[in-house]
Amino acid sequence: MKKILLTVVALMSMTMTFAENESAANLNKVESYDMTVNMSKLSQALGLSTDQIQAVSEIHKSFSAEMMYVAQYANEERNQKLDKAINRDLAYMKYILSEEQYRKYLTLLNLTLRNRGIK
């Protein structure tokens, strides 16, 4: 009887450990889709004018919200939604930014996505 009880306790503790790691992995995955940035640093890096700062801020807020929404999808749908969100953000930014600013933004976005393991 003692062996059965000890086996059940060991099995339950291993199951709880596995479940804890799984929820932590999901939390980290969702956190990697959080695209909030320091807008003053971004505007300084891109050399934005006052009007551009406001426009880029609004575009980036909607992009950040969309990325958090994308994080909730399964892998197959996530990739499609992710591509749509990134393409939409880049289209809006291309309209607002100059050619040089857009290239810098594209580089920063690619590095951010790569560092967070999204793309």
PDB file of N, CA and C in Angstrom:
ATOM      1  N   MET A   1       0.819  -1.182   0.000  1.00  0.00           N
ATOM      2  CA  MET A   1       0.000   0.000   0.000  1.00  0.00           C
ATOM      3  C   MET A   1       0.871   1.257   0.000  1.00  0.00           C
ATOM      4  N   LYS A   2       1.988   1.212   0.763  1.00  0.00           N
ATOM      5  CA  LYS A   2       2.890   2.348   0.805  1.00  0.00           C
ATOM      6  C   LYS A   2       3.480   2.632  -0.580  1.00  0.00           C
ATOM      7  N   LYS A   3       3.833   1.572  -1.304  1.00  0.00           N
ATOM      8  CA  LYS A   3       4.429   1.738  -2.633  1.00  0.00           C
ATOM      9  C   LYS A   3       3.444   2.400  -3.586  1.00  0.00           C
ATOM     10  N   ILE A   4       2.189   2.021  -3.512  1.00  0.00           N
ATOM     11  CA  ILE A   4       1.168   2.605  -4.386  1.00  0.00           C
ATOM     12  C   ILE A   4       1.002   4.087  -4.054  1.00  0.00           C
ATOM     13  N   LEU A   5       0.931   4.399  -2.780  1.00  0.00           N
ATOM     14  CA  LEU A   5       0.780   5.791  -2.360  1.00  0.00           C
ATOM     15  C   LEU A   5       1.979   6.631  -2.794  1.00  0.00           C
ATOM     16  N   LEU A   6       3.187   6.131  -2.603  1.00  0.00           N
ATOM     17  CA  LEU A   6       4.390   6.860  -3.015  1.00  0.00           C
ATOM     18  C   LEU A   6       4.438   7.021  -4.532  1.00  0.00           C
ATOM     19  N   THR A   7       4.003   6.021  -5.261  1.00  0.00           N
ATOM     20  CA  THR A   7       3.964   6.110  -6.723  1.00  0.00           C
ATOM     21  C   THR A   7       2.975   7.179  -7.165  1.00  0.00           C
ATOM     22  N   VAL A   8       1.822   7.239  -6.538  1.00  0.00           N
ATOM     23  CA  VAL A   8       0.820   8.252  -6.875  1.00  0.00           C
ATOM     24  C   VAL A   8       1.349   9.648  -6.561  1.00  0.00           C
ATOM     25  N   VAL A   9       1.988   9.824  -5.420  1.00  0.00           N
ATOM     26  CA  VAL A   9       2.546  11.121  -5.049  1.00  0.00           C
ATOM     27  C   VAL A   9       3.634  11.534  -6.047  1.00  0.00           C
ATOM     28  N   ALA A  10       4.507  10.618  -6.426  1.00  0.00           N
ATOM     29  CA  ALA A  10       5.559  10.921  -7.388  1.00  0.00           C
ATOM     30  C   ALA A  10       4.965  11.279  -8.748  1.00  0.00           C
ATOM     31  N   LEU A  11       3.954  10.545  -9.158  1.00  0.00           N
ATOM     32  CA  LEU A  11       3.300  10.814 -10.435  1.00  0.00           C
ATOM     33  C   LEU A  11       2.633  12.183 -10.445  1.00  0.00           C
ATOM     34  N   MET A  12       1.960  12.525  -9.343  1.00  0.00           N
ATOM     35  CA  MET A  12       1.296  13.826  -9.258  1.00  0.00           C
ATOM     36  C   MET A  12       2.309  14.971  -9.265  1.00  0.00           C
ATOM     37  N   SER A  13       3.422  14.800  -8.564  1.00  0.00           N
ATOM     38  CA  SER A  13       4.423  15.876  -8.525  1.00  0.00           C
ATOM     39  C   SER A  13       5.077  16.067  -9.891  1.00  0.00           C
ATOM     40  N   MET A  14       5.311  14.982 -10.611  1.00  0.00           N
ATOM     41  CA  MET A  14       5.872  15.103 -11.960  1.00  0.00           C
ATOM     42  C   MET A  14       4.873  15.766 -12.900  1.00  0.00           C
ATOM     43  N   THR A  15       3.607  15.447 -12.763  1.00  0.00           N
ATOM     44  CA  THR A  15       2.573  16.042 -13.598  1.00  0.00           C
ATOM     45  C   THR A  15       2.458  17.537 -13.330  1.00  0.00           C
ATOM     46  N   MET A  16       2.502  17.923 -12.082  1.00  0.00           N
ATOM     47  CA  MET A  16       2.406  19.337 -11.722  1.00  0.00           C
ATOM     48  C   MET A  16       3.608  20.124 -12.255  1.00  0.00           C
ATOM     49  N   THR A  17       4.777  19.533 -12.187  1.00  0.00           N
ATOM     50  CA  THR A  17       5.971  20.185 -12.711  1.00  0.00           C
ATOM     51  C   THR A  17       5.859  20.391 -14.208  1.00  0.00           C
ATOM     52  N   PHE A  18       5.385  19.392 -14.913  1.00  0.00           N
ATOM     53  CA  PHE A  18       5.215  19.494 -16.365  1.00  0.00           C
ATOM     54  C   PHE A  18       4.187  20.556 -16.706  1.00  0.00           C
ATOM     55  N   ALA A  19       3.084  20.600 -15.998  1.00  0.00           N
ATOM     56  CA  ALA A  19       2.035  21.590 -16.267  1.00  0.00           C
ATOM     57  C   ALA A  19       2.536  23.002 -15.984  1.00  0.00           C
ATOM     58  N   GLU A  20       3.349  23.169 -14.964  1.00  0.00           N
ATOM     59  CA  GLU A  20       3.889  24.488 -14.648  1.00  0.00           C
ATOM     60  C   GLU A  20       4.802  24.973 -15.765  1.00  0.00           C
ATOM     61  N   ASN A  21       5.656  24.110 -16.273  1.00  0.00           N
ATOM     62  CA  ASN A  21       6.557  24.496 -17.351  1.00  0.00           C
ATOM     63  C   ASN A  21       5.793  24.831 -18.618  1.00  0.00           C
ATOM     64  N   GLU A  22       4.725  24.117 -18.889  1.00  0.00           N
ATOM     65  CA  GLU A  22       3.954  24.371 -20.091  1.00  0.00           C
ATOM     66  C   GLU A  22       3.278  25.731 -20.042  1.00  0.00           C
ATOM     67  N   SER A  23       2.707  26.097 -18.922  1.00  0.00           N
ATOM     68  CA  SER A  23       2.063  27.408 -18.822  1.00  0.00           C
ATOM     69  C   SER A  23       3.097  28.523 -18.881  1.00  0.00           C
ATOM     70  N   ALA A  24       4.277  28.314 -18.333  1.00  0.00           N
ATOM     71  CA  ALA A  24       5.336  29.318 -18.413  1.00  0.00           C
ATOM     72  C   ALA A  24       5.802  29.495 -19.853  1.00  0.00           C
ATOM     73  N   ALA A  25       5.866  28.409 -20.606  1.00  0.00           N
ATOM     74  CA  ALA A  25       6.263  28.505 -22.012  1.00  0.00           C
ATOM     75  C   ALA A  25       5.223  29.275 -22.810  1.00  0.00           C
ATOM     76  N   ASN A  26       3.946  29.027 -22.547  1.00  0.00           N
ATOM     77  CA  ASN A  26       2.894  29.762 -23.243  1.00  0.00           C
ATOM     78  C   ASN A  26       2.927  31.240 -22.877  1.00  0.00           C
ATOM     79  N   LEU A  27       3.189  31.541 -21.619  1.00  0.00           N
ATOM     80  CA  LEU A  27       3.266  32.927 -21.186  1.00  0.00           C
ATOM     81  C   LEU A  27       4.419  33.631 -21.884  1.00  0.00           C
ATOM     82  N   ASN A  28       5.573  32.976 -21.972  1.00  0.00           N
ATOM     83  CA  ASN A  28       6.716  33.576 -22.654  1.00  0.00           C
ATOM     84  C   ASN A  28       6.435  33.788 -24.129  1.00  0.00           C
ATOM     85  N   LYS A  29       5.691  32.870 -24.735  1.00  0.00           N
ATOM     86  CA  LYS A  29       5.357  33.011 -26.139  1.00  0.00           C
ATOM     87  C   LYS A  29       4.481  34.235 -26.355  1.00  0.00           C
ATOM     88  N   VAL A  30       3.489  34.431 -25.511  1.00  0.00           N
ATOM     89  CA  VAL A  30       2.594  35.583 -25.629  1.00  0.00           C
ATOM     90  C   VAL A  30       3.362  36.868 -25.349  1.00  0.00           C
ATOM     91  N   GLU A  31       4.247  36.852 -24.370  1.00  0.00           N
ATOM     92  CA  GLU A  31       5.032  38.043 -24.039  1.00  0.00           C
ATOM     93  C   GLU A  31       5.947  38.451 -25.186  1.00  0.00           C
ATOM     94  N   SER A  32       6.408  37.503 -25.988  1.00  0.00           N
ATOM     95  CA  SER A  32       7.292  37.856 -27.096  1.00  0.00           C
ATOM     96  C   SER A  32       6.551  38.631 -28.178  1.00  0.00           C
ATOM     97  N   TYR A  33       5.224  38.571 -28.195  1.00  0.00           N
ATOM     98  CA  TYR A  33       4.435  39.308 -29.182  1.00  0.00           C
ATOM     99  C   TYR A  33       4.092  40.724 -28.696  1.00  0.00           C
ATOM    100  N   ASP A  34       4.513  41.073 -27.514  1.00  0.00           N
ATOM    101  CA  ASP A  34       4.282  42.424 -27.010  1.00  0.00           C
ATOM    102  C   ASP A  34       5.269  43.357 -27.701  1.00  0.00           C
ATOM    103  N   MET A  35       4.780  44.207 -28.565  1.00  0.00           N
ATOM    104  CA  MET A  35       5.637  45.040 -29.406  1.00  0.00           C
ATOM    105  C   MET A  35       5.735  46.491 -28.924  1.00  0.00           C
ATOM    106  N   THR A  36       5.439  46.741 -27.667  1.00  0.00           N
ATOM    107  CA  THR A  36       5.535  48.104 -27.172  1.00  0.00           C
ATOM    108  C   THR A  36       6.991  48.554 -27.179  1.00  0.00           C
ATOM    109  N   VAL A  37       7.195  49.797 -27.597  1.00  0.00           N
ATOM    110  CA  VAL A  37       8.541  50.357 -27.672  1.00  0.00           C
ATOM    111  C   VAL A  37       8.530  51.753 -27.053  1.00  0.00           C
ATOM    112  N   ASN A  38       9.683  52.247 -26.758  1.00  0.00           N
ATOM    113  CA  ASN A  38       9.848  53.612 -26.279  1.00  0.00           C
ATOM    114  C   ASN A  38       9.803  54.517 -27.506  1.00  0.00           C
ATOM    115  N   MET A  39       8.720  55.266 -27.657  1.00  0.00           N
ATOM    116  CA  MET A  39       8.528  56.073 -28.862  1.00  0.00           C
ATOM    117  C   MET A  39       9.549  57.198 -28.969  1.00  0.00           C
ATOM    118  N   SER A  40      10.014  57.729 -27.852  1.00  0.00           N
ATOM    119  CA  SER A  40      11.019  58.791 -27.945  1.00  0.00           C
ATOM    120  C   SER A  40      12.328  58.241 -28.507  1.00  0.00           C
ATOM    121  N   LYS A  41      12.697  57.018 -28.117  1.00  0.00           N
ATOM    122  CA  LYS A  41      13.909  56.395 -28.654  1.00  0.00           C
ATOM    123  C   LYS A  41      13.731  56.060 -30.132  1.00  0.00           C
ATOM    124  N   LEU A  42      12.546  55.563 -30.491  1.00  0.00           N
ATOM    125  CA  LEU A  42      12.281  55.242 -31.894  1.00  0.00           C
ATOM    126  C   LEU A  42      12.294  56.505 -32.747  1.00  0.00           C
ATOM    127  N   SER A  43      11.664  57.554 -32.269  1.00  0.00           N
ATOM    128  CA  SER A  43      11.632  58.799 -33.046  1.00  0.00           C
ATOM    129  C   SER A  43      13.025  59.398 -33.168  1.00  0.00           C
ATOM    130  N   GLN A  44      13.830  59.246 -32.144  1.00  0.00           N
ATOM    131  CA  GLN A  44      15.204  59.740 -32.192  1.00  0.00           C
ATOM    132  C   GLN A  44      16.029  58.916 -33.177  1.00  0.00           C
ATOM    133  N   ALA A  45      15.849  57.605 -33.167  1.00  0.00           N
ATOM    134  CA  ALA A  45      16.601  56.740 -34.066  1.00  0.00           C
ATOM    135  C   ALA A  45      16.230  56.986 -35.529  1.00  0.00           C
ATOM    136  N   LEU A  46      14.957  57.265 -35.767  1.00  0.00           N
ATOM    137  CA  LEU A  46      14.505  57.478 -37.141  1.00  0.00           C
ATOM    138  C   LEU A  46      14.582  58.940 -37.568  1.00  0.00           C
ATOM    139  N   GLY A  47      14.772  59.854 -36.637  1.00  0.00           N
ATOM    140  CA  GLY A  47      14.819  61.272 -36.951  1.00  0.00           C
ATOM    141  C   GLY A  47      13.465  61.792 -37.407  1.00  0.00           C
ATOM    142  N   LEU A  48      12.427  61.511 -36.632  1.00  0.00           N
ATOM    143  CA  LEU A  48      11.063  61.862 -37.012  1.00  0.00           C
ATOM    144  C   LEU A  48      10.735  63.311 -36.687  1.00  0.00           C
ATOM    145  N   SER A  49       9.884  63.903 -37.522  1.00  0.00           N
ATOM    146  CA  SER A  49       9.352  65.232 -37.231  1.00  0.00           C
ATOM    147  C   SER A  49       8.191  65.084 -36.248  1.00  0.00           C
ATOM    148  N   THR A  50       7.669  66.208 -35.769  1.00  0.00           N
ATOM    149  CA  THR A  50       6.577  66.176 -34.788  1.00  0.00           C
ATOM    150  C   THR A  50       5.337  65.494 -35.366  1.00  0.00           C
ATOM    151  N   ASP A  51       4.999  65.804 -36.601  1.00  0.00           N
ATOM    152  CA  ASP A  51       3.834  65.174 -37.235  1.00  0.00           C
ATOM    153  C   ASP A  51       4.047  63.676 -37.427  1.00  0.00           C
ATOM    154  N   GLN A  52       5.253  63.318 -37.813  1.00  0.00           N
ATOM    155  CA  GLN A  52       5.557  61.905 -38.005  1.00  0.00           C
ATOM    156  C   GLN A  52       5.495  61.141 -36.690  1.00  0.00           C
ATOM    157  N   ILE A  53       5.925  61.777 -35.603  1.00  0.00           N
ATOM    158  CA  ILE A  53       5.906  61.106 -34.302  1.00  0.00           C
ATOM    159  C   ILE A  53       4.484  60.710 -33.936  1.00  0.00           C
ATOM    160  N   GLN A  54       3.544  61.617 -34.124  1.00  0.00           N
ATOM    161  CA  GLN A  54       2.147  61.323 -33.803  1.00  0.00           C
ATOM    162  C   GLN A  54       1.603  60.205 -34.683  1.00  0.00           C
ATOM    163  N   ALA A  55       1.877  60.276 -35.981  1.00  0.00           N
ATOM    164  CA  ALA A  55       1.372  59.264 -36.906  1.00  0.00           C
ATOM    165  C   ALA A  55       1.990  57.899 -36.623  1.00  0.00           C
ATOM    166  N   VAL A  56       3.303  57.868 -36.429  1.00  0.00           N
ATOM    167  CA  VAL A  56       3.995  56.603 -36.151  1.00  0.00           C
ATOM    168  C   VAL A  56       3.514  56.026 -34.825  1.00  0.00           C
ATOM    169  N   SER A  57       3.274  56.868 -33.847  1.00  0.00           N
ATOM    170  CA  SER A  57       2.778  56.406 -32.553  1.00  0.00           C
ATOM    171  C   SER A  57       1.422  55.717 -32.697  1.00  0.00           C
ATOM    172  N   GLU A  58       0.523  56.317 -33.442  1.00  0.00           N
ATOM    173  CA  GLU A  58      -0.801  55.716 -33.648  1.00  0.00           C
ATOM    174  C   GLU A  58      -0.717  54.412 -34.437  1.00  0.00           C
ATOM    175  N   ILE A  59       0.098  54.402 -35.469  1.00  0.00           N
ATOM    176  CA  ILE A  59       0.265  53.183 -36.272  1.00  0.00           C
ATOM    177  C   ILE A  59       0.858  52.078 -35.405  1.00  0.00           C
ATOM    178  N   HIS A  60       1.842  52.425 -34.593  1.00  0.00           N
ATOM    179  CA  HIS A  60       2.489  51.404 -33.770  1.00  0.00           C
ATOM    180  C   HIS A  60       1.563  50.880 -32.666  1.00  0.00           C
ATOM    181  N   LYS A  61       0.700  51.736 -32.146  1.00  0.00           N
ATOM    182  CA  LYS A  61      -0.275  51.264 -31.148  1.00  0.00           C
ATOM    183  C   LYS A  61      -1.200  50.216 -31.754  1.00  0.00           C
ATOM    184  N   SER A  62      -1.672  50.485 -32.956  1.00  0.00           N
ATOM    185  CA  SER A  62      -2.561  49.511 -33.596  1.00  0.00           C
ATOM    186  C   SER A  62      -1.796  48.239 -33.960  1.00  0.00           C
ATOM    187  N   PHE A  63      -0.532  48.369 -34.358  1.00  0.00           N
ATOM    188  CA  PHE A  63       0.294  47.201 -34.665  1.00  0.00           C
ATOM    189  C   PHE A  63       0.529  46.360 -33.412  1.00  0.00           C
ATOM    190  N   SER A  64       0.809  47.015 -32.293  1.00  0.00           N
ATOM    191  CA  SER A  64       1.029  46.296 -31.029  1.00  0.00           C
ATOM    192  C   SER A  64      -0.225  45.535 -30.603  1.00  0.00           C
ATOM    193  N   ALA A  65      -1.376  46.170 -30.744  1.00  0.00           N
ATOM    194  CA  ALA A  65      -2.634  45.503 -30.400  1.00  0.00           C
ATOM    195  C   ALA A  65      -2.884  44.319 -31.317  1.00  0.00           C
ATOM    196  N   GLU A  66      -2.594  44.491 -32.576  1.00  0.00           N
ATOM    197  CA  GLU A  66      -2.787  43.406 -33.540  1.00  0.00           C
ATOM    198  C   GLU A  66      -1.843  42.238 -33.261  1.00  0.00           C
ATOM    199  N   MET A  67      -0.614  42.536 -32.846  1.00  0.00           N
ATOM    200  CA  MET A  67       0.341  41.470 -32.535  1.00  0.00           C
ATOM    201  C   MET A  67      -0.097  40.684 -31.303  1.00  0.00           C
ATOM    202  N   MET A  68      -0.654  41.343 -30.317  1.00  0.00           N
ATOM    203  CA  MET A  68      -1.163  40.622 -29.146  1.00  0.00           C
ATOM    204  C   MET A  68      -2.346  39.743 -29.539  1.00  0.00           C
ATOM    205  N   TYR A  69      -3.123  40.201 -30.474  1.00  0.00           N
ATOM    206  CA  TYR A  69      -4.243  39.418 -30.997  1.00  0.00           C
ATOM    207  C   TYR A  69      -3.729  38.198 -31.764  1.00  0.00           C
ATOM    208  N   VAL A  70      -2.659  38.389 -32.526  1.00  0.00           N
ATOM    209  CA  VAL A  70      -2.054  37.301 -33.307  1.00  0.00           C
ATOM    210  C   VAL A  70      -1.525  36.208 -32.380  1.00  0.00           C
ATOM    211  N   ALA A  71      -1.022  36.577 -31.226  1.00  0.00           N
ATOM    212  CA  ALA A  71      -0.431  35.605 -30.292  1.00  0.00           C
ATOM    213  C   ALA A  71      -1.440  34.570 -29.814  1.00  0.00           C
ATOM    214  N   GLN A  72      -2.724  34.867 -29.913  1.00  0.00           N
ATOM    215  CA  GLN A  72      -3.754  33.960 -29.415  1.00  0.00           C
ATOM    216  C   GLN A  72      -4.090  32.833 -30.392  1.00  0.00           C
ATOM    217  N   TYR A  73      -3.652  32.939 -31.639  1.00  0.00           N
ATOM    218  CA  TYR A  73      -3.993  31.951 -32.654  1.00  0.00           C
ATOM    219  C   TYR A  73      -3.099  30.720 -32.577  1.00  0.00           C
ATOM    220  N   ALA A  74      -3.572  29.640 -33.197  1.00  0.00           N
ATOM    221  CA  ALA A  74      -2.763  28.428 -33.335  1.00  0.00           C
ATOM    222  C   ALA A  74      -1.671  28.693 -34.372  1.00  0.00           C
ATOM    223  N   ASN A  75      -0.679  27.831 -34.435  1.00  0.00           N
ATOM    224  CA  ASN A  75       0.496  28.059 -35.282  1.00  0.00           C
ATOM    225  C   ASN A  75       0.166  28.312 -36.742  1.00  0.00           C
ATOM    226  N   GLU A  76      -0.734  27.522 -37.329  1.00  0.00           N
ATOM    227  CA  GLU A  76      -1.040  27.668 -38.752  1.00  0.00           C
ATOM    228  C   GLU A  76      -1.664  29.031 -39.037  1.00  0.00           C
ATOM    229  N   GLU A  77      -2.659  29.395 -38.252  1.00  0.00           N
ATOM    230  CA  GLU A  77      -3.330  30.676 -38.450  1.00  0.00           C
ATOM    231  C   GLU A  77      -2.440  31.836 -38.018  1.00  0.00           C
ATOM    232  N   ARG A  78      -1.618  31.593 -37.019  1.00  0.00           N
ATOM    233  CA  ARG A  78      -0.765  32.657 -36.492  1.00  0.00           C
ATOM    234  C   ARG A  78       0.175  33.191 -37.566  1.00  0.00           C
ATOM    235  N   ASN A  79       0.770  32.301 -38.345  1.00  0.00           N
ATOM    236  CA  ASN A  79       1.704  32.743 -39.373  1.00  0.00           C
ATOM    237  C   ASN A  79       1.018  33.607 -40.415  1.00  0.00           C
ATOM    238  N   GLN A  80      -0.194  33.236 -40.809  1.00  0.00           N
ATOM    239  CA  GLN A  80      -0.937  34.044 -41.782  1.00  0.00           C
ATOM    240  C   GLN A  80      -1.286  35.402 -41.198  1.00  0.00           C
ATOM    241  N   LYS A  81      -1.813  35.415 -39.978  1.00  0.00           N
ATOM    242  CA  LYS A  81      -2.186  36.673 -39.327  1.00  0.00           C
ATOM    243  C   LYS A  81      -0.962  37.544 -39.055  1.00  0.00           C
ATOM    244  N   LEU A  82       0.142  36.905 -38.710  1.00  0.00           N
ATOM    245  CA  LEU A  82       1.376  37.627 -38.454  1.00  0.00           C
ATOM    246  C   LEU A  82       1.864  38.330 -39.716  1.00  0.00           C
ATOM    247  N   ASP A  83       1.871  37.617 -40.832  1.00  0.00           N
ATOM    248  CA  ASP A  83       2.291  38.219 -42.096  1.00  0.00           C
ATOM    249  C   ASP A  83       1.392  39.390 -42.482  1.00  0.00           C
ATOM    250  N   LYS A  84       0.087  39.233 -42.288  1.00  0.00           N
ATOM    251  CA  LYS A  84      -0.845  40.320 -42.604  1.00  0.00           C
ATOM    252  C   LYS A  84      -0.596  41.532 -41.714  1.00  0.00           C
ATOM    253  N   ALA A  85      -0.373  41.304 -40.429  1.00  0.00           N
ATOM    254  CA  ALA A  85      -0.141  42.409 -39.499  1.00  0.00           C
ATOM    255  C   ALA A  85       1.148  43.152 -39.841  1.00  0.00           C
ATOM    256  N   ILE A  86       2.196  42.413 -40.135  1.00  0.00           N
ATOM    257  CA  ILE A  86       3.479  43.040 -40.468  1.00  0.00           C
ATOM    258  C   ILE A  86       3.371  43.803 -41.784  1.00  0.00           C
ATOM    259  N   ASN A  87       2.750  43.202 -42.781  1.00  0.00           N
ATOM    260  CA  ASN A  87       2.602  43.882 -44.070  1.00  0.00           C
ATOM    261  C   ASN A  87       1.762  45.150 -43.948  1.00  0.00           C
ATOM    262  N   ARG A  88       0.715  45.104 -43.149  1.00  0.00           N
ATOM    263  CA  ARG A  88      -0.122  46.283 -42.946  1.00  0.00           C
ATOM    264  C   ARG A  88       0.677  47.389 -42.248  1.00  0.00           C
ATOM    265  N   ASP A  89       1.448  47.018 -41.230  1.00  0.00           N
ATOM    266  CA  ASP A  89       2.271  47.992 -40.524  1.00  0.00           C
ATOM    267  C   ASP A  89       3.304  48.613 -41.468  1.00  0.00           C
ATOM    268  N   LEU A  90       3.941  47.791 -42.273  1.00  0.00           N
ATOM    269  CA  LEU A  90       4.949  48.311 -43.189  1.00  0.00           C
ATOM    270  C   LEU A  90       4.338  49.212 -44.259  1.00  0.00           C
ATOM    271  N   ALA A  91       3.146  48.885 -44.721  1.00  0.00           N
ATOM    272  CA  ALA A  91       2.476  49.724 -45.719  1.00  0.00           C
ATOM    273  C   ALA A  91       2.158  51.098 -45.137  1.00  0.00           C
ATOM    274  N   TYR A  92       1.652  51.126 -43.909  1.00  0.00           N
ATOM    275  CA  TYR A  92       1.347  52.402 -43.264  1.00  0.00           C
ATOM    276  C   TYR A  92       2.623  53.209 -43.008  1.00  0.00           C
ATOM    277  N   MET A  93       3.660  52.537 -42.549  1.00  0.00           N
ATOM    278  CA  MET A  93       4.912  53.229 -42.260  1.00  0.00           C
ATOM    279  C   MET A  93       5.559  53.762 -43.532  1.00  0.00           C
ATOM    280  N   LYS A  94       5.452  53.020 -44.609  1.00  0.00           N
ATOM    281  CA  LYS A  94       6.032  53.474 -45.871  1.00  0.00           C
ATOM    282  C   LYS A  94       5.365  54.764 -46.338  1.00  0.00           C
ATOM    283  N   TYR A  95       4.091  54.905 -46.051  1.00  0.00           N
ATOM    284  CA  TYR A  95       3.359  56.107 -46.422  1.00  0.00           C
ATOM    285  C   TYR A  95       3.802  57.305 -45.585  1.00  0.00           C
ATOM    286  N   ILE A  96       4.136  57.084 -44.322  1.00  0.00           N
ATOM    287  CA  ILE A  96       4.474  58.165 -43.396  1.00  0.00           C
ATOM    288  C   ILE A  96       5.961  58.529 -43.464  1.00  0.00           C
ATOM    289  N   LEU A  97       6.826  57.545 -43.557  1.00  0.00           N
ATOM    290  CA  LEU A  97       8.265  57.765 -43.436  1.00  0.00           C
ATOM    291  C   LEU A  97       8.923  58.050 -44.791  1.00  0.00           C
ATOM    292  N   SER A  98      10.062  58.720 -44.732  1.00  0.00           N
ATOM    293  CA  SER A  98      10.868  58.905 -45.944  1.00  0.00           C
ATOM    294  C   SER A  98      11.560  57.583 -46.276  1.00  0.00           C
ATOM    295  N   GLU A  99      12.210  57.532 -47.412  1.00  0.00           N
ATOM    296  CA  GLU A  99      12.886  56.305 -47.846  1.00  0.00           C
ATOM    297  C   GLU A  99      13.944  55.852 -46.840  1.00  0.00           C
ATOM    298  N   GLU A 100      14.754  56.785 -46.382  1.00  0.00           N
ATOM    299  CA  GLU A 100      15.818  56.457 -45.426  1.00  0.00           C
ATOM    300  C   GLU A 100      15.239  56.025 -44.080  1.00  0.00           C
ATOM    301  N   GLN A 101      14.222  56.742 -43.609  1.00  0.00           N
ATOM    302  CA  GLN A 101      13.579  56.389 -42.350  1.00  0.00           C
ATOM    303  C   GLN A 101      12.916  55.020 -42.443  1.00  0.00           C
ATOM    304  N   TYR A 102      12.307  54.732 -43.569  1.00  0.00           N
ATOM    305  CA  TYR A 102      11.645  53.445 -43.760  1.00  0.00           C
ATOM    306  C   TYR A 102      12.654  52.306 -43.724  1.00  0.00           C
ATOM    307  N   ARG A 103      13.806  52.489 -44.350  1.00  0.00           N
ATOM    308  CA  ARG A 103      14.834  51.438 -44.321  1.00  0.00           C
ATOM    309  C   ARG A 103      15.316  51.183 -42.899  1.00  0.00           C
ATOM    310  N   LYS A 104      15.508  52.256 -42.116  1.00  0.00           N
ATOM    311  CA  LYS A 104      15.914  52.093 -40.713  1.00  0.00           C
ATOM    312  C   LYS A 104      14.822  51.375 -39.915  1.00  0.00           C
ATOM    313  N   TYR A 105      13.571  51.762 -40.147  1.00  0.00           N
ATOM    314  CA  TYR A 105      12.453  51.130 -39.433  1.00  0.00           C
ATOM    315  C   TYR A 105      12.368  49.652 -39.789  1.00  0.00           C
ATOM    316  N   LEU A 106      12.537  49.334 -41.063  1.00  0.00           N
ATOM    317  CA  LEU A 106      12.489  47.945 -41.508  1.00  0.00           C
ATOM    318  C   LEU A 106      13.588  47.120 -40.844  1.00  0.00           C
ATOM    319  N   THR A 107      14.771  47.694 -40.743  1.00  0.00           N
ATOM    320  CA  THR A 107      15.881  47.014 -40.072  1.00  0.00           C
ATOM    321  C   THR A 107      15.563  46.782 -38.594  1.00  0.00           C
ATOM    322  N   LEU A 108      15.059  47.817 -37.926  1.00  0.00           N
ATOM    323  CA  LEU A 108      14.708  47.683 -36.506  1.00  0.00           C
ATOM    324  C   LEU A 108      13.610  46.654 -36.280  1.00  0.00           C
ATOM    325  N   LEU A 109      12.601  46.659 -37.136  1.00  0.00           N
ATOM    326  CA  LEU A 109      11.503  45.702 -37.001  1.00  0.00           C
ATOM    327  C   LEU A 109      11.989  44.277 -37.223  1.00  0.00           C
ATOM    328  N   ASN A 110      12.809  44.069 -38.252  1.00  0.00           N
ATOM    329  CA  ASN A 110      13.344  42.731 -38.512  1.00  0.00           C
ATOM    330  C   ASN A 110      14.189  42.230 -37.349  1.00  0.00           C
ATOM    331  N   LEU A 111      15.031  43.102 -36.790  1.00  0.00           N
ATOM    332  CA  LEU A 111      15.847  42.695 -35.639  1.00  0.00           C
ATOM    333  C   LEU A 111      14.986  42.364 -34.425  1.00  0.00           C
ATOM    334  N   THR A 112      13.966  43.175 -34.198  1.00  0.00           N
ATOM    335  CA  THR A 112      13.078  42.928 -33.064  1.00  0.00           C
ATOM    336  C   THR A 112      12.357  41.594 -33.212  1.00  0.00           C
ATOM    337  N   LEU A 113      11.819  41.340 -34.389  1.00  0.00           N
ATOM    338  CA  LEU A 113      11.101  40.083 -34.618  1.00  0.00           C
ATOM    339  C   LEU A 113      12.029  38.886 -34.507  1.00  0.00           C
ATOM    340  N   ARG A 114      13.243  39.012 -35.013  1.00  0.00           N
ATOM    341  CA  ARG A 114      14.201  37.915 -34.947  1.00  0.00           C
ATOM    342  C   ARG A 114      14.645  37.667 -33.505  1.00  0.00           C
ATOM    343  N   ASN A 115      14.923  38.744 -32.757  1.00  0.00           N
ATOM    344  CA  ASN A 115      15.381  38.599 -31.369  1.00  0.00           C
ATOM    345  C   ASN A 115      14.317  37.983 -30.473  1.00  0.00           C
ATOM    346  N   ARG A 116      13.059  38.257 -30.774  1.00  0.00           N
ATOM    347  CA  ARG A 116      11.978  37.698 -29.962  1.00  0.00           C
ATOM    348  C   ARG A 116      11.541  36.318 -30.434  1.00  0.00           C
ATOM    349  N   GLY A 117      12.146  35.830 -31.494  1.00  0.00           N
ATOM    350  CA  GLY A 117      11.831  34.488 -31.987  1.00  0.00           C
ATOM    351  C   GLY A 117      10.523  34.397 -32.724  1.00  0.00           C
ATOM    352  N   ILE A 118      10.045  35.516 -33.222  1.00  0.00           N
ATOM    353  CA  ILE A 118       8.754  35.509 -33.931  1.00  0.00           C
ATOM    354  C   ILE A 118       8.956  35.141 -35.386  1.00  0.00           C
ATOM    355  N   LYS A 119       9.949  35.675 -36.021  1.00  0.00           N
ATOM    356  CA  LYS A 119      10.236  35.372 -37.432  1.00  0.00           C
ATOM    357  C   LYS A 119      11.633  34.841 -37.571  1.00  0.00           C
TER     358      LYS A 119
END
